[in-house]
């Protein structure tokens, strides 16, 4: 196959936006015939500096071929173990469509993007059934302009969220026969600003609501998570993350703001809930409104702290109250996660609520030699339930974003989903590593 032919799909699907051309891709997986004008993906298609798309991190699924039907559906890749596929792409929003299923076998697929963002969950197909599932992935880079860039923490340099490619993780019993990726600049972008309770946690068993929320939205919305562990409103500003958001935000986009856990540790003369925290929160709202966007304030998630009588302790001082007052004064929508997460923990109980947090005995994960008892950061189950609270509030408050929810969601945190009904397939990419955080 000639080099000129391999370039044909890129030219056929390319999309010019102003002075910049963002490529589109159409991949045909399998060892059989390749659909005309689609790029063939074989066992030799391994991502590298020279090969700018392919299987990544040493993972490779099996290649299967039924020999029946048209080129696209007669062959596929199949795997019961996680595998990764990466494509080098510039910053932006992309519409990704996964073509799943086969003529002979059942499948059940979960897809995560970049740093473990949940995009598709438990998509099942029966033998002879084929599905096309589309979702929107935002990828970002550090650059703000020719003089400025985001000041990353050392731990962020190896995160998939900040590299120069789009990475998809396929989990479960996956049968993937094709994949398309195309620029999607017409999406409403929801930017997330926050700390480790919001960030895309890169490593198991930590998770946040910010990396779970994409699964609730259909195409039309892109989630751009700019949160990072350990940050306050002040350090978010100081590391130029708000500047980064403002540099790419467009009228009609949203900014969800949740801070407080680390802000309460600041003890300077001008610090405090009703001083620097309030002033900076107002600044975030003002700056984003100047861009024509819509800010939304969220109070901080509660910590898991019960007294001897099984009652939840209040550990965040005046910060939730300050956030409520700013939202009221500036007429900004408020999602009161502080209240809702307390209801959630209370419903689970003193012992049961540990399942929503990073509480695991030693050796639950590779390299984890000691028990984990973290009452601030969430397990995947806890993060998912909190993201469901956020999605439910978007629906209940009738924020315009609600038209992009896959389903109407009316979730009562006092009646959480049973852990028995929850399935999470752990991501294997990196060795066990505890993240920085609150």
Protein backbone atom coordinates (compact mmCIF):
# COMPACT_ATOMS: atom_id res chain seq x y z
CA UNK A 1 0.00 0.00 0.00
CA UNK A 2 1.52 3.31 -1.03
CA UNK A 3 2.13 6.29 1.19
CA UNK A 4 -0.10 8.41 -1.05
CA UNK A 5 -3.04 6.09 -0.43
CA UNK A 6 -2.53 6.18 3.32
CA UNK A 7 -2.80 9.95 3.26
CA UNK A 8 -6.05 9.91 1.29
CA UNK A 9 -8.42 9.46 4.28
CA UNK A 10 -6.84 12.41 6.03
CA UNK A 11 -7.39 14.64 3.02
CA UNK A 12 -10.90 13.30 2.53
CA UNK A 13 -11.92 14.03 6.12
CA UNK A 14 -9.80 17.11 6.87
CA UNK A 15 -11.53 20.12 8.36
CA UNK A 16 -10.15 23.63 8.01
CA UNK A 17 -10.87 26.03 10.85
CA UNK A 18 -9.50 29.48 10.12
CA UNK A 19 -5.77 29.22 9.56
CA UNK A 20 -5.48 25.85 11.27
CA UNK A 21 -6.33 22.51 9.75
CA UNK A 22 -7.35 19.88 12.28
CA UNK A 23 -7.22 16.36 10.90
CA UNK A 24 -10.03 13.84 11.00
CA UNK A 25 -9.54 10.09 10.95
CA UNK A 26 -11.52 7.02 9.89
CA UNK A 27 -9.94 3.77 11.11
CA UNK A 28 -10.89 0.26 9.99
CA UNK A 29 -9.73 -2.32 12.56
CA UNK A 30 -8.92 -5.89 11.62
CA UNK A 31 -6.86 -8.17 9.43
CA UNK A 32 -9.35 -8.45 6.56
CA UNK A 33 -10.43 -6.08 3.83
CA UNK A 34 -10.23 -2.33 4.46
CA UNK A 35 -13.14 -0.08 3.59
CA UNK A 36 -12.30 2.32 0.78
CA UNK A 37 -10.74 5.59 2.00
CA UNK A 38 -10.44 4.31 5.58
CA UNK A 39 -7.10 3.78 7.33
CA UNK A 40 -6.27 0.11 8.02
CA UNK A 41 -5.33 -0.78 11.59
CA UNK A 42 -3.21 -3.91 11.91
CA UNK A 43 -1.11 -5.48 14.71
CA UNK A 44 1.80 -3.38 13.41
CA UNK A 45 -0.04 -0.10 13.99
CA UNK A 46 1.76 0.95 17.17
CA UNK A 47 1.82 4.57 18.35
CA UNK A 48 5.23 6.25 18.28
CA UNK A 49 6.82 9.60 17.49
CA UNK A 50 6.81 8.61 13.82
CA UNK A 51 3.55 6.62 13.80
CA UNK A 52 1.11 9.26 15.04
CA UNK A 53 -1.79 6.87 15.63
CA UNK A 54 -1.95 3.34 16.93
CA UNK A 55 -2.10 1.05 19.94
CA UNK A 56 -0.36 2.46 22.98
CA UNK A 57 1.34 1.55 26.29
CA UNK A 58 2.28 -1.92 25.17
CA UNK A 59 -1.31 -3.10 24.78
CA UNK A 60 -2.55 -5.03 21.76
CA UNK A 61 -5.95 -6.70 21.27
CA UNK A 62 -6.60 -9.82 19.19
CA UNK A 63 -7.47 -9.46 15.52
CA UNK A 64 -10.51 -11.41 14.34
CA UNK A 65 -12.04 -11.90 10.90
CA UNK A 66 -15.37 -13.54 10.14
CA UNK A 67 -14.81 -13.22 6.39
CA UNK A 68 -18.47 -12.33 6.00
CA UNK A 69 -20.17 -9.15 4.88
CA UNK A 70 -18.78 -5.82 3.77
CA UNK A 71 -15.23 -4.75 4.56
CA UNK A 72 -15.94 -2.64 7.63
CA UNK A 73 -17.91 -5.25 9.59
CA UNK A 74 -16.21 -8.47 8.55
CA UNK A 75 -13.19 -7.99 10.83
CA UNK A 76 -12.42 -6.30 14.16
CA UNK A 77 -10.22 -6.29 17.23
CA UNK A 78 -11.34 -8.16 20.32
CA UNK A 79 -10.07 -8.12 23.90
CA UNK A 80 -11.08 -9.09 27.43
CA UNK A 81 -8.21 -6.96 28.77
CA UNK A 82 -7.87 -3.17 28.61
CA UNK A 83 -6.13 -1.72 25.59
CA UNK A 84 -5.23 1.82 24.52
CA UNK A 85 -5.39 3.57 21.17
CA UNK A 86 -3.87 7.04 20.70
CA UNK A 87 -3.94 9.66 17.96
CA UNK A 88 -1.76 12.78 17.84
CA UNK A 89 -4.08 15.81 17.65
CA UNK A 90 -4.00 19.54 18.42
CA UNK A 91 -6.03 21.11 21.22
CA UNK A 92 -9.78 21.20 20.74
CA UNK A 93 -13.04 19.28 20.98
CA UNK A 94 -13.38 16.07 18.98
CA UNK A 95 -16.33 13.90 18.06
CA UNK A 96 -15.38 10.25 18.55
CA UNK A 97 -17.51 7.39 17.25
CA UNK A 98 -16.74 3.82 18.28
CA UNK A 99 -18.19 1.05 16.09
CA UNK A 100 -18.84 -1.95 18.33
CA UNK A 101 -20.06 -5.52 17.94
CA UNK A 102 -19.71 -8.54 15.62
CA UNK A 103 -21.74 -11.10 13.71
CA UNK A 104 -20.76 -13.98 15.98
CA UNK A 105 -19.99 -12.79 19.50
CA UNK A 106 -21.42 -10.65 22.29
CA UNK A 107 -19.51 -7.68 23.68
CA UNK A 108 -19.65 -5.23 26.57
CA UNK A 109 -17.49 -2.13 26.34
CA UNK A 110 -16.51 0.76 28.59
CA UNK A 111 -14.48 3.63 27.14
CA UNK A 112 -12.38 6.13 29.07
CA UNK A 113 -10.52 9.03 27.47
CA UNK A 114 -7.25 10.67 28.43
CA UNK A 115 -6.81 10.52 32.24
CA UNK A 116 -9.60 8.03 32.99
CA UNK A 117 -12.55 10.21 31.92
CA UNK A 118 -15.65 8.05 31.68
CA UNK A 119 -17.14 8.44 28.19
CA UNK A 120 -19.11 5.23 27.61
CA UNK A 121 -20.18 2.68 30.21
CA UNK A 122 -21.18 -0.96 29.79
CA UNK A 123 -22.31 -0.75 26.16
CA UNK A 124 -23.51 -4.28 25.38
CA UNK A 125 -24.10 -5.91 22.00
CA UNK A 126 -25.55 -9.35 21.23
CA UNK A 127 -24.17 -11.64 18.52
CA UNK A 128 -25.10 -10.11 15.19
CA UNK A 129 -25.74 -6.70 16.74
CA UNK A 130 -23.72 -3.60 15.86
CA UNK A 131 -23.71 -0.24 17.63
CA UNK A 132 -22.22 3.17 16.89
CA UNK A 133 -21.56 5.18 20.06
CA UNK A 134 -20.56 8.84 19.77
CA UNK A 135 -19.09 11.06 22.48
CA UNK A 136 -17.14 14.31 22.69
CA UNK A 137 -13.58 14.47 24.02
CA UNK A 138 -11.79 17.70 24.89
CA UNK A 139 -8.01 17.76 24.68
CA UNK A 140 -5.92 20.66 25.89
CA UNK A 141 -2.37 21.94 25.90
CA UNK A 142 -0.42 24.31 28.11
CA UNK A 143 -0.12 27.20 25.67
CA UNK A 144 -2.11 30.38 26.38
CA UNK A 145 -0.39 32.72 23.93
CA UNK A 146 3.13 33.34 22.60
CA UNK A 147 4.29 34.56 26.01
CA UNK A 148 2.24 32.53 28.50
CA UNK A 149 1.58 28.91 29.35
CA UNK A 150 0.01 27.04 32.26
CA UNK A 151 2.43 26.41 35.16
CA UNK A 152 2.04 22.67 35.66
CA UNK A 153 2.89 20.74 38.80
CA UNK A 154 5.59 18.07 38.37
CA UNK A 155 2.97 15.31 38.66
CA UNK A 156 1.08 16.73 35.68
CA UNK A 157 3.90 16.33 33.16
CA UNK A 158 3.12 12.64 32.74
CA UNK A 159 -0.66 13.00 32.68
CA UNK A 160 -2.48 12.06 29.52
CA UNK A 161 -4.55 15.22 29.97
CA UNK A 162 -1.58 17.41 29.07
CA UNK A 163 0.18 15.49 26.30
CA UNK A 164 -0.14 16.06 22.54
CA UNK A 165 -2.48 13.19 21.71
CA UNK A 166 -5.96 11.86 22.30
CA UNK A 167 -5.86 8.52 24.11
CA UNK A 168 -8.80 6.13 24.39
CA UNK A 169 -8.89 3.24 26.86
CA UNK A 170 -11.16 0.32 25.96
CA UNK A 171 -12.23 -1.88 28.89
CA UNK A 172 -14.42 -4.93 29.27
CA UNK A 173 -15.18 -7.55 26.64
CA UNK A 174 -14.55 -5.21 23.71
CA UNK A 175 -15.16 -5.88 20.03
CA UNK A 176 -14.19 -2.77 18.04
CA UNK A 177 -14.40 -2.81 14.27
CA UNK A 178 -14.02 0.88 13.42
CA UNK A 179 -13.36 4.30 14.92
CA UNK A 180 -13.78 7.84 13.60
CA UNK A 181 -12.44 11.06 15.09
CA UNK A 182 -13.36 14.51 13.77
CA UNK A 183 -13.06 18.13 15.02
CA UNK A 184 -16.20 19.36 16.79
CA UNK A 185 -15.78 23.06 17.34
CA UNK A 186 -19.53 23.69 17.56
CA UNK A 187 -19.86 22.11 21.01
CA UNK A 188 -20.82 23.93 24.20
CA UNK A 189 -17.73 23.56 26.37
CA UNK A 190 -18.15 23.12 30.12
CA UNK A 191 -14.91 24.11 31.84
CA UNK A 192 -14.25 22.73 35.32
CA UNK A 193 -12.16 24.70 37.83
CA UNK A 194 -11.39 23.04 41.13
CA UNK A 195 -9.10 20.87 43.23
CA UNK A 196 -8.55 17.13 43.72
CA UNK A 197 -12.26 16.47 44.28
CA UNK A 198 -12.83 17.64 40.68
CA UNK A 199 -9.59 16.79 38.85
CA UNK A 200 -9.20 13.92 36.39
CA UNK A 201 -7.39 11.59 38.78
CA UNK A 202 -4.80 9.71 36.78
CA UNK A 203 -4.36 6.69 39.02
CA UNK A 204 -6.46 4.01 40.67
CA UNK A 205 -8.16 3.92 43.10
CA UNK A 206 -8.72 7.69 43.23
CA UNK A 207 -11.47 9.34 41.21
CA UNK A 208 -13.43 12.59 41.08
CA UNK A 209 -16.85 13.71 39.93
CA UNK A 210 -15.19 15.80 37.19
CA UNK A 211 -13.93 12.72 35.34
CA UNK A 212 -17.24 10.88 35.65
CA UNK A 213 -19.59 13.65 34.47
CA UNK A 214 -18.87 13.27 30.70
CA UNK A 215 -20.77 9.97 30.58
CA UNK A 216 -24.06 11.76 31.29
CA UNK A 217 -23.87 14.02 28.22
CA UNK A 218 -24.65 13.31 24.60
CA UNK A 219 -22.87 15.15 21.76
CA UNK A 220 -23.39 18.88 22.01
CA UNK A 221 -21.35 19.28 25.19
CA UNK A 222 -17.62 18.88 25.80
CA UNK A 223 -16.23 18.67 29.34
CA UNK A 224 -12.88 20.48 29.68
CA UNK A 225 -11.51 19.65 33.12
CA UNK A 226 -8.84 22.16 34.22
CA UNK A 227 -8.96 21.25 37.92
CA UNK A 228 -5.80 20.14 39.69
CA UNK A 229 -5.01 18.61 43.07
CA UNK A 230 -4.06 20.89 45.94
CA UNK A 231 -5.22 24.13 44.33
CA UNK A 232 -7.02 27.10 45.82
CA UNK A 233 -8.74 29.88 43.92
CA UNK A 234 -5.49 31.82 44.37
CA UNK A 235 -3.12 29.12 43.10
CA UNK A 236 -5.49 28.35 40.21
CA UNK A 237 -5.10 32.01 39.23
CA UNK A 238 -1.36 32.05 39.95
CA UNK A 239 -0.67 29.03 37.73
CA UNK A 240 -2.53 30.84 34.93
CA UNK A 241 -5.25 28.19 34.62
CA UNK A 242 -8.06 30.74 34.55
CA UNK A 243 -6.14 32.62 31.85
CA UNK A 244 -5.93 29.37 29.90
CA UNK A 245 -9.69 28.81 30.15
CA UNK A 246 -10.41 32.39 29.11
CA UNK A 247 -8.08 32.05 26.12
CA UNK A 248 -10.16 29.22 24.60
CA UNK A 249 -13.67 29.89 25.99
CA UNK A 250 -16.34 31.19 23.64
CA UNK A 251 -19.72 32.85 24.27
CA UNK A 252 -22.25 30.34 25.54
CA UNK A 253 -19.71 28.12 27.31
CA UNK A 254 -19.94 27.27 31.03
CA UNK A 255 -17.52 27.43 33.95
CA UNK A 256 -18.22 25.19 36.97
CA UNK A 257 -16.24 26.43 40.01
CA UNK A 258 -15.66 24.33 43.14
CA UNK A 259 -13.02 25.34 45.70
CA UNK A 260 -12.72 25.42 49.49
CA UNK A 261 -10.82 22.39 50.80
CA UNK A 262 -7.41 23.97 50.32
CA UNK A 263 -8.52 27.60 50.58
CA UNK A 264 -9.39 27.06 54.24
CA UNK A 265 -5.73 26.21 54.92
CA UNK A 266 -4.57 29.68 53.85
CA UNK A 267 -3.89 31.77 56.97
CA UNK A 268 -2.66 35.14 55.69
CA UNK A 269 -4.09 38.43 57.00
CA UNK A 270 -6.27 38.84 53.90
CA UNK A 271 -7.28 35.21 53.66
CA UNK A 272 -10.56 33.73 54.79
CA UNK A 273 -13.97 32.74 53.50
CA UNK A 274 -15.33 36.27 53.43
CA UNK A 275 -12.09 37.92 52.31
CA UNK A 276 -9.78 36.53 49.59
CA UNK A 277 -12.00 33.52 48.86
CA UNK A 278 -15.07 35.69 48.25
CA UNK A 279 -13.09 38.26 46.26
CA UNK A 280 -11.49 35.65 44.00
CA UNK A 281 -14.74 33.78 43.48
CA UNK A 282 -16.33 37.03 42.30
CA UNK A 283 -13.35 37.57 39.97
CA UNK A 284 -13.86 34.14 38.36
CA UNK A 285 -17.51 34.96 37.77
CA UNK A 286 -16.75 38.43 36.39
CA UNK A 287 -13.99 37.29 34.01
CA UNK A 288 -16.01 34.43 32.59
CA UNK A 289 -19.07 36.59 32.11
CA UNK A 290 -16.92 39.06 30.19
CA UNK A 291 -16.26 36.22 27.74
CA UNK A 292 -20.00 35.77 27.26
CA UNK A 293 -20.05 32.57 29.30
CA UNK A 294 -22.16 31.23 32.13
CA UNK A 295 -20.52 30.58 35.51
CA UNK A 296 -21.93 28.03 37.98
CA UNK A 297 -20.75 27.87 41.62
CA UNK A 298 -20.55 24.59 43.53
CA UNK A 299 -19.98 24.37 47.28
CA UNK A 300 -17.20 22.04 48.37
CA UNK A 301 -17.91 18.35 48.78
CA UNK A 302 -18.06 17.38 52.44
CA UNK A 303 -15.34 15.33 54.04
CA UNK A 304 -16.24 12.01 55.62
CA UNK A 305 -16.12 12.89 59.33
CA UNK A 306 -18.59 11.31 61.77
CA UNK A 307 -18.80 11.94 65.51
CA UNK A 308 -19.32 9.20 68.13
CA UNK A 309 -23.08 9.42 67.62
CA UNK A 310 -22.86 8.82 63.88
CA UNK A 311 -23.55 12.45 62.99
CA UNK A 312 -21.53 14.20 60.30
CA UNK A 313 -19.15 16.90 61.46
CA UNK A 314 -18.90 20.23 59.65
CA UNK A 315 -15.26 20.54 58.55
CA UNK A 316 -15.22 23.30 55.94
CA UNK A 317 -15.89 26.33 58.12
CA UNK A 318 -17.51 29.33 56.46
CA UNK A 319 -16.47 28.44 52.92
CA UNK A 320 -19.71 26.80 51.75
CA UNK A 321 -21.67 29.73 53.20
CA UNK A 322 -19.40 32.22 51.45
CA UNK A 323 -19.93 30.43 48.13
CA UNK A 324 -23.70 30.54 48.62
CA UNK A 325 -23.59 34.26 49.35
CA UNK A 326 -21.53 35.03 46.23
CA UNK A 327 -23.92 32.98 44.10
CA UNK A 328 -26.91 34.85 45.52
CA UNK A 329 -25.34 38.30 45.23
CA UNK A 330 -24.17 37.80 41.65
CA UNK A 331 -27.22 35.75 40.61
CA UNK A 332 -25.15 32.72 39.67
CA UNK A 333 -26.61 29.18 39.65
CA UNK A 334 -25.53 27.23 42.74
CA UNK A 335 -25.10 23.48 43.13
CA UNK A 336 -24.83 22.85 46.86
CA UNK A 337 -22.59 19.78 46.87
CA UNK A 338 -21.73 20.39 50.52
CA UNK A 339 -25.34 19.68 51.52
CA UNK A 340 -25.96 16.91 48.99
CA UNK A 341 -22.79 14.95 49.78
CA UNK A 342 -23.69 14.99 53.48
CA UNK A 343 -27.02 13.40 52.59
CA UNK A 344 -25.17 10.85 50.48
CA UNK A 345 -22.73 9.85 53.25
CA UNK A 346 -25.49 9.80 55.86
CA UNK A 347 -27.54 7.44 53.69
CA UNK A 348 -24.58 5.07 53.36
CA UNK A 349 -23.84 5.16 57.10
CA UNK A 350 -20.61 5.34 59.07
CA UNK A 351 -19.15 2.11 57.68
CA UNK A 352 -20.90 2.07 54.34
CA UNK A 353 -19.67 5.55 53.45
CA UNK A 354 -16.09 4.24 53.41
CA UNK A 355 -16.98 2.63 50.07
CA UNK A 356 -17.43 6.10 48.58
CA UNK A 357 -13.89 7.06 49.59
CA UNK A 358 -10.39 5.69 49.15
CA UNK A 359 -10.61 3.10 51.93
CA UNK A 360 -8.86 -0.08 50.83
CA UNK A 361 -6.92 -2.75 52.72
CA UNK A 362 -3.25 -3.30 51.92
CA UNK A 363 -2.47 -5.05 48.62
CA UNK A 364 -5.77 -4.11 46.99
CA UNK A 365 -3.70 -2.63 44.15
CA UNK A 366 -0.20 -3.40 42.78
CA UNK A 367 2.50 -1.87 44.94
CA UNK A 368 0.09 -0.78 47.69
CA UNK A 369 1.76 -2.19 50.79
CA UNK A 370 -0.26 -0.26 53.40
CA UNK A 371 -3.96 0.25 53.99
CA UNK A 372 -5.58 3.39 52.60
CA UNK A 373 -7.99 5.47 54.71
CA UNK A 374 -8.62 8.73 52.88
CA UNK A 375 -11.75 10.64 53.96
CA UNK A 376 -11.49 13.46 51.41
CA UNK A 377 -10.89 11.76 48.08
CA UNK A 378 -13.37 9.50 46.35
CA UNK A 379 -13.41 5.97 45.04
CA UNK A 380 -14.80 5.53 41.52
CA UNK A 381 -18.19 4.62 43.04
CA UNK A 382 -18.28 7.75 45.22
CA UNK A 383 -17.13 9.97 42.36
CA UNK A 384 -19.79 8.56 40.04
CA UNK A 385 -22.58 9.15 42.57
CA UNK A 386 -21.47 12.75 43.10
CA UNK A 387 -21.32 13.35 39.35
CA UNK A 388 -24.88 12.05 39.25
CA UNK A 389 -25.81 14.70 41.83
CA UNK A 390 -24.31 17.38 39.56
CA UNK A 391 -26.16 16.05 36.50
CA UNK A 392 -29.39 15.85 38.48
CA UNK A 393 -29.03 19.47 39.60
CA UNK A 394 -28.50 20.56 35.99
CA UNK A 395 -31.86 18.94 35.24
CA UNK A 396 -33.67 20.09 38.40
CA UNK A 397 -32.58 23.71 38.00
CA UNK A 398 -33.35 23.61 34.28
CA UNK A 399 -29.95 24.94 33.27
CA UNK A 400 -29.89 25.14 29.46
CA UNK A 401 -27.28 22.36 29.53
CA UNK A 402 -30.04 19.93 30.48
CA UNK A 403 -31.05 19.49 26.84
CA UNK A 404 -27.70 17.73 26.29
CA UNK A 405 -28.16 15.16 29.07
CA UNK A 406 -28.58 11.63 27.70
CA UNK A 407 -31.54 11.07 30.01
CA UNK A 408 -33.54 13.11 32.49
CA UNK A 409 -31.87 12.49 35.83
CA UNK A 410 -33.65 13.01 39.15
CA UNK A 411 -31.21 11.58 41.68
CA UNK A 412 -31.86 11.69 45.41
CA UNK A 413 -28.52 11.49 47.28
CA UNK A 414 -30.44 10.21 50.31
CA UNK A 415 -31.21 7.13 48.17
CA UNK A 416 -27.88 6.33 46.50
CA UNK A 417 -27.33 3.53 44.03
CA UNK A 418 -26.37 0.24 45.58
CA UNK A 419 -22.67 -0.54 45.43
CA UNK A 420 -23.68 -4.05 44.30
CA UNK A 421 -25.03 -2.54 41.08
CA UNK A 422 -21.85 -0.57 40.41
CA UNK A 423 -19.15 -1.84 38.04
CA UNK A 424 -15.78 -0.20 37.54
CA UNK A 425 -12.97 -1.72 35.50
CA UNK A 426 -9.65 -0.47 36.87
CA UNK A 427 -7.27 1.31 34.52
CA UNK A 428 -3.90 -0.45 34.30
CA UNK A 429 -1.69 2.15 32.59
CA UNK A 430 0.55 3.30 35.45
CA UNK A 431 1.97 1.71 38.54
CA UNK A 432 0.26 2.44 41.83
CA UNK A 433 0.95 6.05 42.80
CA UNK A 434 -0.75 8.20 45.38
CA UNK A 435 -1.55 11.64 43.91
CA UNK A 436 -0.88 14.95 45.54
CA UNK A 437 -4.02 16.47 46.93
CA UNK A 438 -5.96 17.86 49.84
